[in-house]
Amino acid sequence: MDIASDYKVLVNRYIKAKDSNKPHLMSSVFSENAVLEMKVKSDNISFPPNVTGCKQITEILVREFSQSYENIYTICVSDTVEQSSATLNCRWLVGMTETSSGLHKVGFGDYFWLFDATKNVLVSQLTIIIDSMVILPSERQSALMPWLDSLPAPWALSSEILVSMPNIPELSEVRDKLIPREFS
């Protein structure tokens, strides 16, 4: 297996751990002293700005996240991938249901992965930028969830995402800004 495919395997495992509440997978994704940086540009979700260590990253991104959300779908936008010998960057889309309220959230942003391949390939740093997180009322579920479930997870082309996106007014920002100019 080459390094490029190793990186995607780790991203896939991270998404599986986060979306399916499988914290045991995280130690095979992140190095023990990995760093997570969160840049949140929305008032509709919150995370600590910096977290250090695989255990703390697992606590924030898997355990606490799974207590707050269910029906989680994370899609990496495959035609936005930029990769080098130690990095993989891409746009992402997420949809989920808030467990306490039943409201749905759809957001997008960027992943910036830094890998350390000195021994085993593991993530040494992840920066997650959340550009937007929109809230949809529960009555949008009948259109939203089948769409998210139909996407080829965890990687989809922007065209697959956009052409199948339901015509929900609250998704207009997602539709207009999911794929920024520098990636399109």
C-alpha atoms as a PDB file:
ATOM      1  CA  MET A   1       0.000   0.000   0.000  1.00  0.00           C
ATOM      2  CA  ASP A   2       1.373   3.445  -0.832  1.00  0.00           C
ATOM      3  CA  ILE A   3       1.412   6.466   1.456  1.00  0.00           C
ATOM      4  CA  ALA A   4      -1.434   8.225  -0.415  1.00  0.00           C
ATOM      5  CA  SER A   5      -3.792   5.312   0.123  1.00  0.00           C
ATOM      6  CA  ASP A   6      -2.581   4.977   3.744  1.00  0.00           C
ATOM      7  CA  TYR A   7      -3.730   8.559   4.335  1.00  0.00           C
ATOM      8  CA  LYS A   8      -7.205   7.895   2.944  1.00  0.00           C
ATOM      9  CA  VAL A   9      -7.472   4.708   5.043  1.00  0.00           C
ATOM     10  CA  LEU A  10      -6.800   6.798   8.178  1.00  0.00           C
ATOM     11  CA  VAL A  11      -9.336   9.450   7.148  1.00  0.00           C
ATOM     12  CA  ASN A  12     -11.902   6.693   6.491  1.00  0.00           C
ATOM     13  CA  ARG A  13     -11.198   5.128   9.898  1.00  0.00           C
ATOM     14  CA  TYR A  14     -11.553   8.509  11.633  1.00  0.00           C
ATOM     15  CA  ILE A  15     -14.927   9.111   9.964  1.00  0.00           C
ATOM     16  CA  LYS A  16     -16.091   5.614  10.911  1.00  0.00           C
ATOM     17  CA  ALA A  17     -15.008   6.194  14.523  1.00  0.00           C
ATOM     18  CA  LYS A  18     -16.714   9.599  14.739  1.00  0.00           C
ATOM     19  CA  ASP A  19     -19.903   8.852  12.822  1.00  0.00           C
ATOM     20  CA  SER A  20     -20.479   5.388  14.325  1.00  0.00           C
ATOM     21  CA  ASN A  21     -19.326   6.081  17.910  1.00  0.00           C
ATOM     22  CA  LYS A  22     -16.351   3.711  17.810  1.00  0.00           C
ATOM     23  CA  PRO A  23     -13.748   5.322  20.081  1.00  0.00           C
ATOM     24  CA  HIS A  24     -11.520   2.228  20.028  1.00  0.00           C
ATOM     25  CA  LEU A  25     -10.562   3.032  16.413  1.00  0.00           C
ATOM     26  CA  MET A  26      -9.033   6.409  17.220  1.00  0.00           C
ATOM     27  CA  SER A  27      -5.715   5.046  18.564  1.00  0.00           C
ATOM     28  CA  SER A  28      -5.085   3.567  15.120  1.00  0.00           C
ATOM     29  CA  VAL A  29      -5.661   6.997  13.529  1.00  0.00           C
ATOM     30  CA  PHE A  30      -3.983   9.560  15.812  1.00  0.00           C
ATOM     31  CA  SER A  31      -0.540   9.494  17.372  1.00  0.00           C
ATOM     32  CA  GLU A  32      -0.461   9.585  21.163  1.00  0.00           C
ATOM     33  CA  ASN A  33       0.520  13.283  21.186  1.00  0.00           C
ATOM     34  CA  ALA A  34      -1.554  14.396  18.190  1.00  0.00           C
ATOM     35  CA  VAL A  35      -2.919  17.925  18.099  1.00  0.00           C
ATOM     36  CA  LEU A  36      -6.444  18.945  17.076  1.00  0.00           C
ATOM     37  CA  GLU A  37      -7.141  22.544  16.139  1.00  0.00           C
ATOM     38  CA  MET A  38     -10.737  23.670  15.597  1.00  0.00           C
ATOM     39  CA  LYS A  39     -11.618  26.888  13.791  1.00  0.00           C
ATOM     40  CA  VAL A  40     -15.365  27.355  14.137  1.00  0.00           C
ATOM     41  CA  LYS A  41     -16.985  30.115  12.066  1.00  0.00           C
ATOM     42  CA  SER A  42     -20.560  29.347  13.150  1.00  0.00           C
ATOM     43  CA  ASP A  43     -22.551  30.024  16.301  1.00  0.00           C
ATOM     44  CA  ASN A  44     -24.568  26.830  15.722  1.00  0.00           C
ATOM     45  CA  ILE A  45     -21.909  24.429  17.020  1.00  0.00           C
ATOM     46  CA  SER A  46     -18.991  24.685  19.409  1.00  0.00           C
ATOM     47  CA  PHE A  47     -15.737  22.879  20.079  1.00  0.00           C
ATOM     48  CA  PRO A  48     -12.649  23.730  22.101  1.00  0.00           C
ATOM     49  CA  PRO A  49     -10.097  25.530  19.892  1.00  0.00           C
ATOM     50  CA  ASN A  50      -7.189  23.201  20.751  1.00  0.00           C
ATOM     51  CA  VAL A  51      -6.971  19.647  22.044  1.00  0.00           C
ATOM     52  CA  THR A  52      -3.793  17.642  22.590  1.00  0.00           C
ATOM     53  CA  GLY A  53      -3.429  13.890  22.745  1.00  0.00           C
ATOM     54  CA  CYS A  54      -5.299  11.006  21.188  1.00  0.00           C
ATOM     55  CA  LYS A  55      -7.301  10.359  24.364  1.00  0.00           C
ATOM     56  CA  GLN A  56      -8.598  13.943  24.527  1.00  0.00           C
ATOM     57  CA  ILE A  57      -9.279  14.057  20.776  1.00  0.00           C
ATOM     58  CA  THR A  58     -11.281  10.833  21.135  1.00  0.00           C
ATOM     59  CA  GLU A  59     -13.221  12.297  24.052  1.00  0.00           C
ATOM     60  CA  ILE A  60     -14.188  15.435  22.089  1.00  0.00           C
ATOM     61  CA  LEU A  61     -14.718  14.076  18.560  1.00  0.00           C
ATOM     62  CA  VAL A  62     -16.225  10.682  19.350  1.00  0.00           C
ATOM     63  CA  ARG A  63     -17.608  10.289  22.871  1.00  0.00           C
ATOM     64  CA  GLU A  64     -18.969  13.799  23.500  1.00  0.00           C
ATOM     65  CA  PHE A  65     -19.983  14.259  19.862  1.00  0.00           C
ATOM     66  CA  SER A  66     -21.964  10.997  19.907  1.00  0.00           C
ATOM     67  CA  GLN A  67     -23.758  12.069  23.081  1.00  0.00           C
ATOM     68  CA  SER A  68     -24.948  15.228  21.321  1.00  0.00           C
ATOM     69  CA  TYR A  69     -25.635  13.917  17.808  1.00  0.00           C
ATOM     70  CA  GLU A  70     -27.009  10.870  16.011  1.00  0.00           C
ATOM     71  CA  ASN A  71     -27.640   9.980  12.357  1.00  0.00           C
ATOM     72  CA  ILE A  72     -24.183  11.390  11.565  1.00  0.00           C
ATOM     73  CA  TYR A  73     -23.036  11.409   7.947  1.00  0.00           C
ATOM     74  CA  THR A  74     -19.609  12.823   7.063  1.00  0.00           C
ATOM     75  CA  ILE A  75     -18.592  13.094   3.417  1.00  0.00           C
ATOM     76  CA  CYS A  76     -15.164  14.136   2.167  1.00  0.00           C
ATOM     77  CA  VAL A  77     -15.347  15.905  -1.182  1.00  0.00           C
ATOM     78  CA  SER A  78     -12.966  13.818  -3.278  1.00  0.00           C
ATOM     79  CA  ASP A  79     -12.426  16.324  -6.084  1.00  0.00           C
ATOM     80  CA  THR A  80     -11.119  18.906  -3.581  1.00  0.00           C
ATOM     81  CA  VAL A  81      -8.280  16.725  -2.268  1.00  0.00           C
ATOM     82  CA  GLU A  82      -4.861  18.328  -2.200  1.00  0.00           C
ATOM     83  CA  GLN A  83      -2.104  15.981  -1.130  1.00  0.00           C
ATOM     84  CA  SER A  84       1.631  16.075  -0.520  1.00  0.00           C
ATOM     85  CA  SER A  85       4.103  13.694   1.067  1.00  0.00           C
ATOM     86  CA  ALA A  86       2.856  14.451   4.609  1.00  0.00           C
ATOM     87  CA  THR A  87      -0.525  16.154   4.165  1.00  0.00           C
ATOM     88  CA  LEU A  88      -4.024  15.619   2.859  1.00  0.00           C
ATOM     89  CA  ASN A  89      -6.483  18.508   2.688  1.00  0.00           C
ATOM     90  CA  CYS A  90     -10.086  18.416   1.505  1.00  0.00           C
ATOM     91  CA  ARG A  91     -13.536  19.929   1.884  1.00  0.00           C
ATOM     92  CA  TRP A  92     -16.116  18.035   3.942  1.00  0.00           C
ATOM     93  CA  LEU A  93     -19.857  17.973   4.435  1.00  0.00           C
ATOM     94  CA  VAL A  94     -21.648  16.698   7.532  1.00  0.00           C
ATOM     95  CA  GLY A  95     -25.298  16.118   8.350  1.00  0.00           C
ATOM     96  CA  MET A  96     -26.670  14.974  11.706  1.00  0.00           C
ATOM     97  CA  THR A  97     -29.523  15.111  14.176  1.00  0.00           C
ATOM     98  CA  GLU A  98     -29.201  16.856  17.523  1.00  0.00           C
ATOM     99  CA  THR A  99     -30.319  14.259  20.085  1.00  0.00           C
ATOM    100  CA  SER A 100     -31.765  16.731  22.585  1.00  0.00           C
ATOM    101  CA  SER A 101     -33.945  18.720  20.164  1.00  0.00           C
ATOM    102  CA  GLY A 102     -34.436  16.561  17.072  1.00  0.00           C
ATOM    103  CA  LEU A 103     -33.211  19.456  14.916  1.00  0.00           C
ATOM    104  CA  HIS A 104     -30.971  18.663  11.964  1.00  0.00           C
ATOM    105  CA  LYS A 105     -27.655  20.316  11.248  1.00  0.00           C
ATOM    106  CA  VAL A 106     -25.761  20.422   7.987  1.00  0.00           C
ATOM    107  CA  GLY A 107     -22.316  21.927   7.831  1.00  0.00           C
ATOM    108  CA  PHE A 108     -19.223  22.128   5.720  1.00  0.00           C
ATOM    109  CA  GLY A 109     -15.630  23.180   5.943  1.00  0.00           C
ATOM    110  CA  ASP A 110     -12.098  21.935   5.459  1.00  0.00           C
ATOM    111  CA  TYR A 111      -9.886  19.206   6.856  1.00  0.00           C
ATOM    112  CA  PHE A 112      -6.127  19.759   7.030  1.00  0.00           C
ATOM    113  CA  TRP A 113      -4.423  16.473   7.951  1.00  0.00           C
ATOM    114  CA  LEU A 114      -0.713  16.211   8.845  1.00  0.00           C
ATOM    115  CA  PHE A 115       0.715  12.698   8.964  1.00  0.00           C
ATOM    116  CA  ASP A 116       3.805  11.310  10.655  1.00  0.00           C
ATOM    117  CA  ALA A 117       5.177   8.338   8.748  1.00  0.00           C
ATOM    118  CA  THR A 118       8.330   7.764  10.805  1.00  0.00           C
ATOM    119  CA  LYS A 119       7.146   4.428  12.254  1.00  0.00           C
ATOM    120  CA  ASN A 120       3.532   3.692  11.477  1.00  0.00           C
ATOM    121  CA  VAL A 121       1.580   6.236   9.502  1.00  0.00           C
ATOM    122  CA  LEU A 122      -0.581   8.125  11.990  1.00  0.00           C
ATOM    123  CA  VAL A 123      -2.117  11.592  12.164  1.00  0.00           C
ATOM    124  CA  SER A 124       0.061  14.032  14.102  1.00  0.00           C
ATOM    125  CA  GLN A 125      -2.175  17.060  13.578  1.00  0.00           C
ATOM    126  CA  LEU A 126      -5.694  17.715  12.335  1.00  0.00           C
ATOM    127  CA  THR A 127      -7.086  21.169  11.733  1.00  0.00           C
ATOM    128  CA  ILE A 128     -10.839  21.282  11.195  1.00  0.00           C
ATOM    129  CA  ILE A 129     -12.390  24.457   9.856  1.00  0.00           C
ATOM    130  CA  ILE A 130     -16.156  24.687  10.203  1.00  0.00           C
ATOM    131  CA  ASP A 131     -17.234  27.308   7.677  1.00  0.00           C
ATOM    132  CA  SER A 132     -20.958  26.926   8.249  1.00  0.00           C
ATOM    133  CA  MET A 133     -23.452  24.903  10.267  1.00  0.00           C
ATOM    134  CA  VAL A 134     -27.096  25.440   9.366  1.00  0.00           C
ATOM    135  CA  ILE A 135     -30.021  24.288  11.484  1.00  0.00           C
ATOM    136  CA  LEU A 136     -33.017  22.675   9.829  1.00  0.00           C
ATOM    137  CA  PRO A 137     -36.350  21.923  11.483  1.00  0.00           C
ATOM    138  CA  SER A 138     -37.258  18.280  12.113  1.00  0.00           C
ATOM    139  CA  GLU A 139     -39.848  18.320   9.316  1.00  0.00           C
ATOM    140  CA  ARG A 140     -36.947  18.486   6.804  1.00  0.00           C
ATOM    141  CA  GLN A 141     -35.835  14.983   7.853  1.00  0.00           C
ATOM    142  CA  SER A 142     -37.885  13.227   5.164  1.00  0.00           C
ATOM    143  CA  ALA A 143     -35.834  14.961   2.452  1.00  0.00           C
ATOM    144  CA  LEU A 144     -32.514  15.406   4.252  1.00  0.00           C
ATOM    145  CA  MET A 145     -31.736  11.963   5.640  1.00  0.00           C
ATOM    146  CA  PRO A 146     -32.406   9.953   2.454  1.00  0.00           C
ATOM    147  CA  TRP A 147     -30.136  12.365   0.552  1.00  0.00           C
ATOM    148  CA  LEU A 148     -27.296  11.998   3.067  1.00  0.00           C
ATOM    149  CA  ASP A 149     -27.755   8.234   3.140  1.00  0.00           C
ATOM    150  CA  SER A 150     -27.602   8.037  -0.670  1.00  0.00           C
ATOM    151  CA  LEU A 151     -24.191   9.719  -0.911  1.00  0.00           C
ATOM    152  CA  PRO A 152     -21.226   7.394  -1.473  1.00  0.00           C
ATOM    153  CA  ALA A 153     -19.630   7.724   1.953  1.00  0.00           C
ATOM    154  CA  PRO A 154     -17.128   8.690   3.033  1.00  0.00           C
ATOM    155  CA  TRP A 155     -15.906  10.094  -0.316  1.00  0.00           C
ATOM    156  CA  ALA A 156     -18.098  11.752  -2.940  1.00  0.00           C
ATOM    157  CA  LEU A 157     -17.555  14.060  -5.866  1.00  0.00           C
ATOM    158  CA  SER A 158     -18.889  17.583  -5.483  1.00  0.00           C
ATOM    159  CA  SER A 159     -21.130  16.953  -8.484  1.00  0.00           C
ATOM    160  CA  GLU A 160     -22.668  13.902  -6.740  1.00  0.00           C
ATOM    161  CA  ILE A 161     -23.375  15.975  -3.644  1.00  0.00           C
ATOM    162  CA  LEU A 162     -24.773  18.993  -5.434  1.00  0.00           C
ATOM    163  CA  VAL A 163     -26.876  17.284  -8.119  1.00  0.00           C
ATOM    164  CA  SER A 164     -28.677  15.111  -5.571  1.00  0.00           C
ATOM    165  CA  MET A 165     -29.080  17.791  -2.878  1.00  0.00           C
ATOM    166  CA  PRO A 166     -32.753  18.276  -2.012  1.00  0.00           C
ATOM    167  CA  ASN A 167     -34.298  21.657  -2.715  1.00  0.00           C
ATOM    168  CA  ILE A 168     -34.422  22.773   0.917  1.00  0.00           C
ATOM    169  CA  PRO A 169     -34.171  26.565   1.360  1.00  0.00           C
ATOM    170  CA  GLU A 170     -31.942  26.255   4.443  1.00  0.00           C
ATOM    171  CA  LEU A 171     -29.341  24.435   2.306  1.00  0.00           C
ATOM    172  CA  SER A 172     -28.810  27.365  -0.086  1.00  0.00           C
ATOM    173  CA  GLU A 173     -25.548  28.391   1.629  1.00  0.00           C
ATOM    174  CA  VAL A 174     -24.307  24.822   1.526  1.00  0.00           C
ATOM    175  CA  ARG A 175     -25.229  24.597  -2.162  1.00  0.00           C
ATOM    176  CA  ASP A 176     -23.543  27.927  -2.980  1.00  0.00           C
ATOM    177  CA  LYS A 177     -20.383  27.628  -0.873  1.00  0.00           C
ATOM    178  CA  LEU A 178     -19.601  23.955  -0.353  1.00  0.00           C
ATOM    179  CA  ILE A 179     -17.071  23.951  -3.148  1.00  0.00           C
ATOM    180  CA  PRO A 180     -14.946  27.132  -2.911  1.00  0.00           C
ATOM    181  CA  ARG A 181     -13.422  28.639  -6.031  1.00  0.00           C
ATOM    182  CA  GLU A 182      -9.885  27.505  -5.224  1.00  0.00           C
ATOM    183  CA  PHE A 183     -11.074  23.880  -5.367  1.00  0.00           C
ATOM    184  CA  SER A 184     -13.506  24.083  -8.273  1.00  0.00           C
END
